Protein backbone atom coordinates (compact mmCIF):
# COMPACT_ATOMS: atom_id res chain seq x y z
CA MET A 1 55.63 76.87 113.55
CA LYS A 2 55.73 74.87 110.80
CA PHE A 3 59.34 73.43 112.28
CA TRP A 4 56.98 71.63 115.15
CA ALA A 5 55.00 69.18 112.63
CA LEU A 6 58.35 68.09 111.88
CA GLY A 7 58.78 67.63 115.54
CA CYS A 8 55.82 65.02 115.68
CA MET A 9 56.81 63.75 112.90
CA LEU A 10 59.85 62.40 114.20
CA LEU A 11 57.97 61.60 117.35
CA GLY A 12 55.57 59.75 115.66
CA GLY A 13 57.80 57.66 113.07
CA PHE A 14 60.90 56.86 115.59
CA GLY A 15 58.57 54.79 118.13
CA LEU A 16 58.38 52.23 114.80
CA THR A 17 62.21 52.40 113.54
CA ALA A 18 64.08 50.58 116.10
CA ARG A 19 63.52 47.48 118.17
CA PRO A 20 64.99 46.19 121.13
CA ALA A 21 67.07 43.38 121.04
CA ASP A 22 65.16 40.08 121.78
CA ASP A 23 64.74 38.68 125.93
CA VAL A 24 65.35 34.86 124.97
CA THR A 25 66.30 34.00 128.70
CA LEU A 26 64.69 34.81 132.23
CA ALA A 27 66.97 35.02 134.77
CA ALA A 28 68.49 37.04 137.42
CA PRO A 29 68.06 40.74 136.71
CA ASP A 30 71.86 41.46 137.99
CA GLN A 31 73.41 39.02 135.03
CA ARG A 32 72.50 40.83 131.52
CA VAL A 33 74.49 38.80 128.37
CA TYR A 34 74.63 40.88 125.26
CA VAL A 35 74.17 38.67 121.58
CA ILE A 36 75.82 40.62 118.69
CA PRO A 37 75.24 38.36 115.29
CA ILE A 38 78.18 38.87 112.42
CA ARG A 39 76.85 35.95 109.80
CA GLU A 40 76.97 37.94 106.87
CA ASP A 41 79.59 39.38 104.84
CA ILE A 42 81.17 42.89 106.97
CA MET A 43 79.94 45.52 105.08
CA PRO A 44 79.03 49.63 106.10
CA PRO A 45 75.11 48.56 107.61
CA LEU A 46 76.67 46.06 109.88
CA THR A 47 78.14 48.83 111.88
CA TYR A 48 74.77 50.17 112.66
CA VAL A 49 73.74 46.41 114.30
CA VAL A 50 76.69 46.28 116.63
CA ARG A 51 76.39 50.05 117.23
CA ARG A 52 73.47 49.23 118.76
CA GLY A 53 74.08 46.20 120.35
CA VAL A 54 76.79 47.74 122.06
CA LYS A 55 75.10 50.56 123.63
CA GLU A 56 72.02 48.56 124.45
CA ALA A 57 74.39 46.56 126.16
CA MET A 58 75.86 49.70 128.20
CA GLU A 59 72.31 51.26 128.77
CA ALA A 60 71.62 47.99 130.49
CA GLY A 61 74.13 46.71 132.28
CA ALA A 62 75.21 43.91 130.61
CA SER A 63 78.71 41.78 131.75
CA THR A 64 79.45 40.14 128.56
CA LEU A 65 79.41 40.48 125.41
CA ILE A 66 79.54 38.06 122.75
CA ILE A 67 79.80 37.97 119.00
CA ASP A 68 78.05 35.11 117.56
CA MET A 69 80.58 35.34 113.92
CA ASP A 70 80.36 33.29 110.72
CA THR A 71 81.81 35.13 108.39
CA ASN A 72 83.95 35.31 105.26
CA GLY A 73 85.28 38.07 105.76
CA GLY A 74 84.44 41.92 104.63
CA ARG A 75 85.88 45.52 104.04
CA VAL A 76 89.12 46.33 106.41
CA ASP A 77 87.35 50.12 106.91
CA VAL A 78 84.32 48.52 108.29
CA THR A 79 86.35 46.34 110.78
CA GLU A 80 88.75 48.85 111.88
CA GLU A 81 84.96 50.86 113.10
CA ILE A 82 83.84 47.80 114.74
CA ILE A 83 86.40 47.23 116.52
CA GLY A 84 86.73 50.51 117.84
CA ILE A 85 83.14 50.24 118.89
CA ILE A 86 83.05 46.95 120.44
CA SER A 87 85.98 48.31 122.21
CA ARG A 88 83.97 50.82 124.02
CA PHE A 89 81.98 47.82 125.70
CA PRO A 90 83.33 48.16 129.20
CA GLY A 91 82.88 44.35 130.02
CA GLU A 92 83.96 41.32 129.32
CA THR A 93 83.74 40.93 125.44
CA ILE A 94 84.30 37.05 123.85
CA THR A 95 83.96 35.81 120.02
CA TYR A 96 82.11 32.68 119.89
CA VAL A 97 83.79 31.65 116.32
CA ASN A 98 80.33 29.74 115.17
CA ARG A 99 81.82 27.83 111.80
CA LYS A 100 84.22 30.66 110.63
CA ALA A 101 85.97 33.85 110.83
CA PHE A 102 88.67 34.73 107.67
CA SER A 103 89.84 37.60 107.21
CA ALA A 104 88.25 40.40 108.68
CA GLY A 105 86.21 38.05 110.81
CA ALA A 106 89.37 36.91 112.17
CA PHE A 107 90.49 40.61 112.98
CA ILE A 108 87.30 41.11 115.09
CA ALA A 109 87.80 38.47 117.02
CA VAL A 110 91.22 39.58 118.13
CA GLY A 111 89.15 43.10 118.99
CA THR A 112 87.70 40.75 121.73
CA ARG A 113 89.38 39.82 125.06
CA ARG A 114 88.65 36.02 124.48
CA ILE A 115 87.97 33.78 121.57
CA PHE A 116 85.66 30.45 121.51
CA MET A 117 84.98 28.20 118.45
CA ALA A 118 82.44 25.99 117.86
CA GLU A 119 83.08 22.05 116.74
CA GLU A 120 84.36 22.15 112.98
CA SER A 121 84.91 26.10 112.87
CA VAL A 122 88.06 27.67 111.14
CA ILE A 123 89.67 31.09 111.69
CA GLY A 124 92.40 32.76 109.85
CA ALA A 125 93.47 33.15 105.89
CA ALA A 126 93.63 36.96 106.99
CA ALA A 127 95.84 38.26 104.08
CA PRO A 128 94.62 41.62 102.41
CA MET A 129 93.24 41.56 99.01
CA MET A 130 91.67 43.90 96.68
CA ILE A 131 87.91 42.93 94.97
CA ILE A 132 87.31 43.75 91.59
CA PRO A 133 83.99 44.57 90.07
CA GLY A 134 82.93 41.87 88.93
CA GLY A 135 83.82 40.32 92.51
CA GLY A 136 86.99 38.39 92.28
CA PRO A 137 90.12 39.02 94.08
CA ALA A 138 92.71 41.11 92.08
CA GLN A 139 96.23 40.36 91.74
CA LEU A 140 98.09 43.21 93.69
CA PRO A 141 101.62 44.00 93.00
CA GLU A 142 104.79 43.15 95.30
CA SER A 143 104.89 46.78 96.77
CA VAL A 144 101.45 46.99 96.86
CA GLU A 145 100.82 44.05 98.69
CA ALA A 146 103.38 44.93 101.18
CA LYS A 147 102.31 48.04 102.02
CA MET A 148 99.18 46.85 102.84
CA THR A 149 99.90 43.75 105.09
CA SER A 150 102.30 46.35 107.18
CA SER A 151 99.36 48.29 107.47
CA ILE A 152 97.19 45.74 108.52
CA LYS A 153 99.40 43.91 111.13
CA ALA A 154 100.16 47.42 113.02
CA LEU A 155 96.32 47.83 113.07
CA ILE A 156 95.62 44.24 114.42
CA ARG A 157 98.69 44.23 116.40
CA THR A 158 97.71 46.49 118.33
CA LYS A 159 94.75 44.88 119.60
CA ALA A 160 96.30 41.72 119.83
CA GLU A 161 98.54 42.94 122.58
CA SER A 162 95.92 44.81 124.14
CA ASN A 163 93.61 41.89 124.67
CA GLY A 164 96.40 39.28 125.13
CA HIS A 165 96.75 37.11 121.97
CA ASN A 166 99.07 35.88 120.27
CA VAL A 167 100.89 38.14 118.14
CA GLU A 168 102.60 36.09 115.56
CA VAL A 169 99.71 33.97 114.83
CA ILE A 170 98.12 36.60 114.00
CA GLU A 171 100.88 37.59 112.06
CA ALA A 172 101.12 34.18 110.48
CA MET A 173 96.80 35.29 109.54
CA ILE A 174 97.67 38.31 108.01
CA ASP A 175 101.58 37.89 106.34
CA ARG A 176 102.52 34.93 103.90
CA GLN A 177 106.41 35.68 104.46
CA LYS A 178 105.25 34.94 107.89
CA GLU A 179 107.06 31.87 109.59
CA LEU A 180 105.26 30.68 113.48
CA THR A 181 107.61 27.36 114.87
CA LEU A 182 106.37 27.23 118.53
CA ASP A 183 108.13 24.26 120.68
CA GLY A 184 109.99 23.02 117.39
CA ASP A 185 106.44 22.33 115.84
CA VAL A 186 106.05 23.89 112.54
CA ILE A 187 102.79 25.63 112.61
CA ASN A 188 102.55 27.73 109.51
CA PRO A 189 105.80 27.56 106.76
CA LYS A 190 106.84 30.62 105.35
CA GLY A 191 104.72 31.41 101.85
CA GLN A 192 101.61 29.90 102.93
CA ILE A 193 98.69 31.96 104.80
CA LEU A 194 97.47 30.68 108.27
CA THR A 195 94.16 28.63 108.95
CA LEU A 196 93.63 26.98 112.45
CA THR A 197 90.69 24.82 112.90
CA ASN A 198 89.42 24.67 115.99
CA ARG A 199 90.98 21.92 117.71
CA GLN A 200 94.23 23.44 116.35
CA ALA A 201 93.56 26.46 117.84
CA GLU A 202 92.65 25.33 121.03
CA ARG A 203 96.37 23.45 121.23
CA SER A 204 98.72 24.97 124.30
CA TYR A 205 102.48 26.00 123.76
CA GLY A 206 104.93 27.55 125.79
CA GLU A 207 105.99 27.18 129.27
CA PRO A 208 103.25 27.95 130.99
CA PRO A 209 101.46 26.56 128.36
CA ARG A 210 99.12 28.83 126.56
CA PRO A 211 96.26 28.37 123.35
CA LEU A 212 97.52 29.18 120.57
CA LEU A 213 94.52 31.49 119.95
CA SER A 214 91.56 29.94 121.28
CA SER A 215 90.27 29.42 125.11
CA GLY A 216 88.14 25.88 123.94
CA THR A 217 85.25 24.51 122.10
CA MET A 218 82.42 24.92 122.65
CA VAL A 219 79.08 23.21 121.20
CA SER A 220 77.07 26.06 121.27
CA LEU A 221 76.00 29.27 122.69
CA ASP A 222 74.22 27.85 125.55
CA ASP A 223 77.53 25.51 126.23
CA LEU A 224 79.35 28.69 126.34
CA LEU A 225 77.32 30.34 128.47
CA GLU A 226 77.40 27.25 131.40
CA HIS A 227 81.40 27.55 130.66
CA LEU A 228 81.22 30.92 132.04
CA GLY A 229 79.36 30.60 134.73
CA LEU A 230 76.70 32.68 132.79
CA SER A 231 73.82 29.68 131.97
CA SER A 232 71.29 32.12 134.68
CA ALA A 233 71.57 34.96 133.24
CA THR A 234 69.46 37.49 130.68
CA VAL A 235 70.14 36.64 127.18
CA PHE A 236 69.20 39.34 124.62
CA HIS A 237 70.41 38.50 120.78
CA VAL A 238 70.16 41.63 119.72
CA GLU A 239 69.54 41.03 115.52
CA PRO A 240 69.28 43.20 112.87
CA THR A 241 65.93 45.11 111.76
CA GLY A 242 66.17 45.59 108.33
CA VAL A 243 66.81 49.48 109.17
CA GLU A 244 70.62 49.47 109.36
CA GLN A 245 70.94 49.59 104.97
CA ILE A 246 68.69 52.52 105.44
CA ALA A 247 70.57 54.11 107.76
CA PHE A 248 73.70 53.54 106.13
CA TRP A 249 71.96 55.11 103.01
CA LEU A 250 70.29 58.09 105.03
CA ASN A 251 73.65 58.84 107.08
CA ALA A 252 76.00 58.20 103.36
CA ILE A 253 74.04 61.48 101.87
CA SER A 254 73.42 63.56 105.10
CA PRO A 255 75.49 66.16 103.77
CA ILE A 256 73.22 67.35 100.54
CA LEU A 257 70.21 66.20 102.95
CA LEU A 258 70.84 69.30 105.26
CA ALA A 259 71.77 71.31 102.02
CA LEU A 260 68.39 70.37 101.07
CA GLY A 261 67.77 71.49 104.55
CA LEU A 262 69.16 74.81 105.32
CA ILE A 263 68.23 76.39 101.80
CA GLY A 264 65.00 75.47 102.44
CA ILE A 265 64.07 77.41 105.44
CA TYR A 266 66.38 79.73 103.96
CA MET A 267 63.61 80.16 101.01
CA GLU A 268 60.89 79.72 103.89
CA PHE A 269 62.16 82.94 105.92
CA LYS A 270 62.68 85.50 102.25
CA THR A 271 59.13 83.80 101.10
CA PRO A 272 55.46 84.50 102.37
CA GLY A 273 53.74 81.92 103.04
CA PHE A 274 54.13 77.77 103.59
CA GLY A 275 55.12 76.38 100.03
CA ILE A 276 57.64 74.29 97.89
CA PRO A 277 60.82 75.72 100.22
CA GLY A 278 59.09 74.62 103.14
CA SER A 279 58.28 71.24 102.17
CA ILE A 280 61.37 70.43 100.68
CA ALA A 281 63.02 71.35 103.66
CA VAL A 282 60.44 69.56 106.66
CA VAL A 283 61.35 66.31 104.78
CA ALA A 284 65.16 66.81 104.51
CA LEU A 285 65.84 67.26 107.75
CA LEU A 286 63.17 64.60 109.01
CA LEU A 287 65.47 61.93 106.88
CA TYR A 288 68.45 63.34 108.44
CA PHE A 289 67.59 63.24 111.91
CA LEU A 290 66.37 60.16 110.97
CA GLY A 291 69.19 58.91 109.86
CA GLY A 292 71.11 59.72 113.56
CA TYR A 293 67.96 58.21 115.12
CA ILE A 294 67.53 54.68 113.67
CA GLY A 295 72.01 54.90 112.89
CA GLY A 296 71.93 54.62 116.93
CA PHE A 297 73.85 57.84 116.69
CA SER A 298 71.01 60.06 119.22
CA GLY A 299 67.74 60.02 119.98
CA PHE A 300 64.72 62.04 119.17
CA GLU A 301 65.49 65.42 121.54
CA TRP A 302 68.09 67.56 119.08
CA ILE A 303 65.10 67.68 116.85
CA LEU A 304 63.00 69.89 119.26
CA VAL A 305 66.10 71.64 120.70
CA PHE A 306 66.97 72.36 116.07
CA ALA A 307 62.78 73.66 115.92
CA LEU A 308 63.05 75.75 118.96
CA GLY A 309 66.46 77.52 117.32
CA VAL A 310 64.55 78.12 114.63
CA VAL A 311 61.50 79.43 116.54
CA LEU A 312 63.97 81.92 118.07
CA ILE A 313 65.56 82.95 114.50
CA ALA A 314 62.12 83.58 113.32
CA LEU A 315 61.23 85.63 116.47
CA GLU A 316 64.30 87.70 115.79
CA LEU A 317 64.15 88.15 111.69
CA PHE A 318 60.35 89.23 112.10
CA LEU A 319 59.00 90.38 116.06
CA PHE A 320 62.08 91.86 117.30
CA PRO A 321 64.71 92.68 114.73
CA GLY A 322 67.84 94.11 116.26
CA THR A 323 67.73 92.00 119.55
CA LEU A 324 70.51 89.69 118.90
CA ALA A 325 70.36 87.63 121.78
CA LEU A 326 67.35 85.70 120.10
CA GLY A 327 69.27 85.39 116.86
CA ILE A 328 72.49 83.97 118.24
CA SER A 329 71.15 81.36 120.79
CA GLY A 330 68.84 80.12 117.84
CA ALA A 331 71.81 79.87 115.48
CA VAL A 332 73.53 78.07 118.58
CA MET A 333 70.86 75.62 119.03
CA VAL A 334 70.36 75.29 115.44
CA LEU A 335 74.14 74.36 114.97
CA ILE A 336 74.46 72.29 118.37
CA SER A 337 71.53 70.07 117.04
CA LEU A 338 72.59 69.43 114.13
CA VAL A 339 75.83 68.38 115.37
CA MET A 340 74.75 66.25 117.94
CA ALA A 341 72.38 64.55 115.89
CA ALA A 342 75.24 62.86 114.18
CA THR A 343 77.74 62.55 117.29
CA ASP A 344 78.32 58.89 118.20
CA LEU A 345 77.73 58.92 122.15
CA TYR A 346 77.59 55.85 124.11
CA PRO A 347 76.18 55.57 127.80
CA GLY A 348 78.12 56.05 130.69
CA MET A 349 80.27 58.18 129.43
CA PRO A 350 81.03 61.97 129.33
CA ARG A 351 78.07 63.71 127.39
CA ILE A 352 80.77 66.38 125.93
CA PRO A 353 82.02 65.05 122.88
CA THR A 354 85.79 64.64 122.01
CA VAL A 355 87.29 66.28 119.48
CA PRO A 356 87.58 62.42 117.29
CA GLN A 357 84.12 62.12 118.00
CA LEU A 358 83.21 65.12 116.44
CA HIS A 359 85.08 65.27 113.34
CA LEU A 360 82.55 63.19 110.77
CA PRO A 361 80.06 65.50 112.34
CA LEU A 362 81.57 68.57 111.55
CA GLN A 363 82.96 67.51 107.99
CA ASN A 364 79.29 67.45 107.08
CA LEU A 365 77.93 70.49 108.33
CA ALA A 366 81.13 71.95 106.70
CA ILE A 367 80.13 70.19 103.25
CA ALA A 368 76.32 70.84 103.66
CA GLY A 369 77.61 74.63 104.41
CA VAL A 370 79.55 74.76 101.04
CA LEU A 371 76.70 72.93 99.20
CA SER A 372 73.65 75.16 100.53
CA GLY A 373 75.93 78.25 100.27
CA LEU A 374 76.19 78.06 96.53
CA GLY A 375 72.48 76.64 96.82
CA ILE A 376 71.65 80.31 97.93
CA TRP A 377 73.73 82.12 95.49
CA ALA A 378 72.13 80.26 92.54
CA LEU A 379 68.64 80.85 94.11
CA GLY A 380 69.01 84.68 95.08
CA SER A 381 71.23 85.51 91.78
CA VAL A 382 69.84 83.35 88.98
CA LEU A 383 66.49 81.88 90.11
CA PRO A 384 64.71 85.16 90.49
CA ARG A 385 65.29 85.64 86.49
CA THR A 386 63.92 82.19 85.27
CA SER A 387 60.02 81.67 84.39
CA ILE A 388 59.60 78.95 86.85
CA TYR A 389 61.05 81.11 90.06
CA HIS A 390 57.06 81.77 90.28
CA ILE A 391 56.05 78.33 91.42
CA LEU A 392 58.59 78.75 94.85
CA VAL A 393 57.65 82.28 95.62
CA SER A 394 54.15 82.73 94.67
CA ALA A 395 52.98 79.28 95.72
CA GLY A 396 51.97 80.30 98.89
CA THR A 397 50.78 83.84 98.25
CA SER A 398 47.52 85.52 96.43
CA GLY A 399 47.17 89.07 95.25
CA ALA A 400 45.44 91.21 92.63
CA LEU A 401 47.35 90.14 89.57
CA SER A 402 49.25 86.82 90.26
CA ASP A 403 46.80 85.23 87.92
CA ARG A 404 46.75 87.80 84.98
CA ASP A 405 48.18 87.10 81.63
CA ILE A 406 51.99 88.30 81.40
CA GLY A 407 50.56 90.80 78.98
CA GLN A 408 48.80 92.75 81.08
CA LEU A 409 51.47 92.91 83.47
CA LYS A 410 53.83 94.50 81.54
CA ALA A 411 51.27 97.03 80.88
CA THR A 412 52.63 98.35 84.26
CA ARG A 413 55.36 100.69 82.69
CA LEU A 414 58.83 100.23 82.89
CA GLY A 415 60.91 102.39 85.38
CA ALA A 416 57.41 103.00 87.19
CA GLU A 417 57.90 103.61 90.69
CA GLY A 418 55.74 102.55 93.97
CA VAL A 419 55.93 101.26 97.78
CA ALA A 420 56.24 98.00 99.08
CA VAL A 421 52.72 97.30 100.74
CA SER A 422 54.88 94.19 102.93
CA VAL A 423 58.67 92.59 103.33
CA LEU A 424 59.96 91.69 100.20
CA ARG A 425 61.64 87.97 100.43
CA PRO A 426 62.24 88.18 98.14
CA GLY A 427 59.17 88.37 96.75
CA GLY A 428 55.93 90.22 98.41
CA LYS A 429 53.43 93.39 97.65
CA ALA A 430 53.37 96.45 96.40
CA ARG A 431 51.30 99.55 95.32
CA PHE A 432 51.98 101.20 91.85
CA GLY A 433 49.25 103.99 91.90
CA ASP A 434 46.13 102.29 92.45
CA GLU A 435 47.35 98.66 91.58
CA LEU A 436 48.86 96.31 93.67
CA LEU A 437 51.18 94.12 92.16
CA ASP A 438 53.18 90.52 92.69
CA VAL A 439 57.07 91.94 92.79
CA VAL A 440 60.11 90.32 93.18
CA THR A 441 63.52 91.53 94.20
CA GLN A 442 66.92 90.24 92.89
CA GLY A 443 67.88 88.66 95.95
CA GLU A 444 67.41 90.97 98.28
CA MET A 445 65.02 91.67 102.07
CA LEU A 446 63.58 94.64 102.03
CA PRO A 447 60.97 96.03 104.71
CA ALA A 448 57.47 97.05 104.24
CA GLY A 449 57.30 100.86 103.27
CA THR A 450 60.31 100.71 101.04
CA ARG A 451 59.86 102.54 97.62
CA LEU A 452 60.36 100.72 94.76
CA ARG A 453 61.07 100.92 90.73
CA VAL A 454 60.10 98.59 88.73
CA VAL A 455 62.80 97.14 86.54
CA GLY A 456 61.94 94.74 84.82
CA PHE A 457 59.62 91.14 84.58
CA SER A 458 59.35 87.80 85.18
CA THR A 459 56.17 85.40 84.13
CA HIS A 460 54.10 86.92 86.83
CA GLU A 461 56.14 89.20 88.56
CA ALA A 462 57.15 92.99 88.33
CA ILE A 463 61.03 92.80 89.26
CA VAL A 464 62.08 95.96 91.58
CA GLU A 465 64.73 97.69 93.06
CA SER A 466 64.98 99.99 95.55
CA VAL A 467 64.90 103.88 95.18
CA PRO A 468 67.11 106.05 97.47
CA SER A 469 65.58 108.35 99.66
């Protein structure tokens, strides 16, 4: 079983890809705090760090999740995804602005229930902008800027309201047309984007008094933990492992990897032996499942489900044709494993994914299905007529004439009839008189015993078709 080897490779490799959060403080086991760093530009690989940290915290039953933030901002789409991941944590969520939380960093901070700030730290300057390829900001037309500002305000407003933050403060950080006045003080004049220092953010306004944004200034993370009554808690620091960038790229090309795997499996079923198609399938599927694992989507159990599904399909095709139960069961297991390997499930939540959770995996599977369908069509209708096809089909086979000169092969009379002595998938063996030849159909699979007629030649094989009885 060729795919059990893939499972073993994954079982051996997965233990090296992910590293649990470092335990830095020994304390009572009933109090656990996870600290996730956002200390870089907010780009796609960061989502894998945050996702891993949130899932580890949920599995450990942590009571508090702290975002240790020092960022200039980043992409809005990535920010929205990170806010969604953090919102799944059922306990207390806190942002500690440990120097700066500009732009998208301010959005993420608002996505947590409380915000604390370090000495001389700042938060705000969250107006949307377009970055040109050179790295600088682009001047947006007023209509485009207004549209972007409106959509971002709506997105962040819902998070600010649900977490109890002052919505007007957040809007003043996004919209330069927003004037913010509280208790007669002009906090932000119209035409400017609001940015707050730690002292400004913790000032109280209104009746009853309410902090502008920050719940207080803390000298350090330890000071914050003591303020929260968690000085004796077990603190886990989630750190980037270096595989997040790999996870990003593997998941970005996952439809292509999946398509290569499906095409390779198809070719392996259609040709005898284990050769180049099978090797390509193993590598592509290894990378597909590895991307889901190190990306924090799933465990390695789904590769075992996939392998078992492939085995059942093989049994249906080669040992028990017509059974249907084996083939259908195997196909269902293969489809479920491919979808679940890329489905973002969280500890303590239902194991049956929701429709939104299935959207991306099903989209990738659909793309892979189209790509693999086109690839299989090309292999079945075009490749058999090319001079390189024998490399893919006959690499794992041997026969009386497989290495003979093409001139000797063409000596077989065009139109000669014979009998297939092996299953043609589409390549195999056939007997023409006293000679045993390597043959290939034009894409169809034919059982052993089928009467054949030679209709042409490739470099090393006779091209045949079935002869009606």
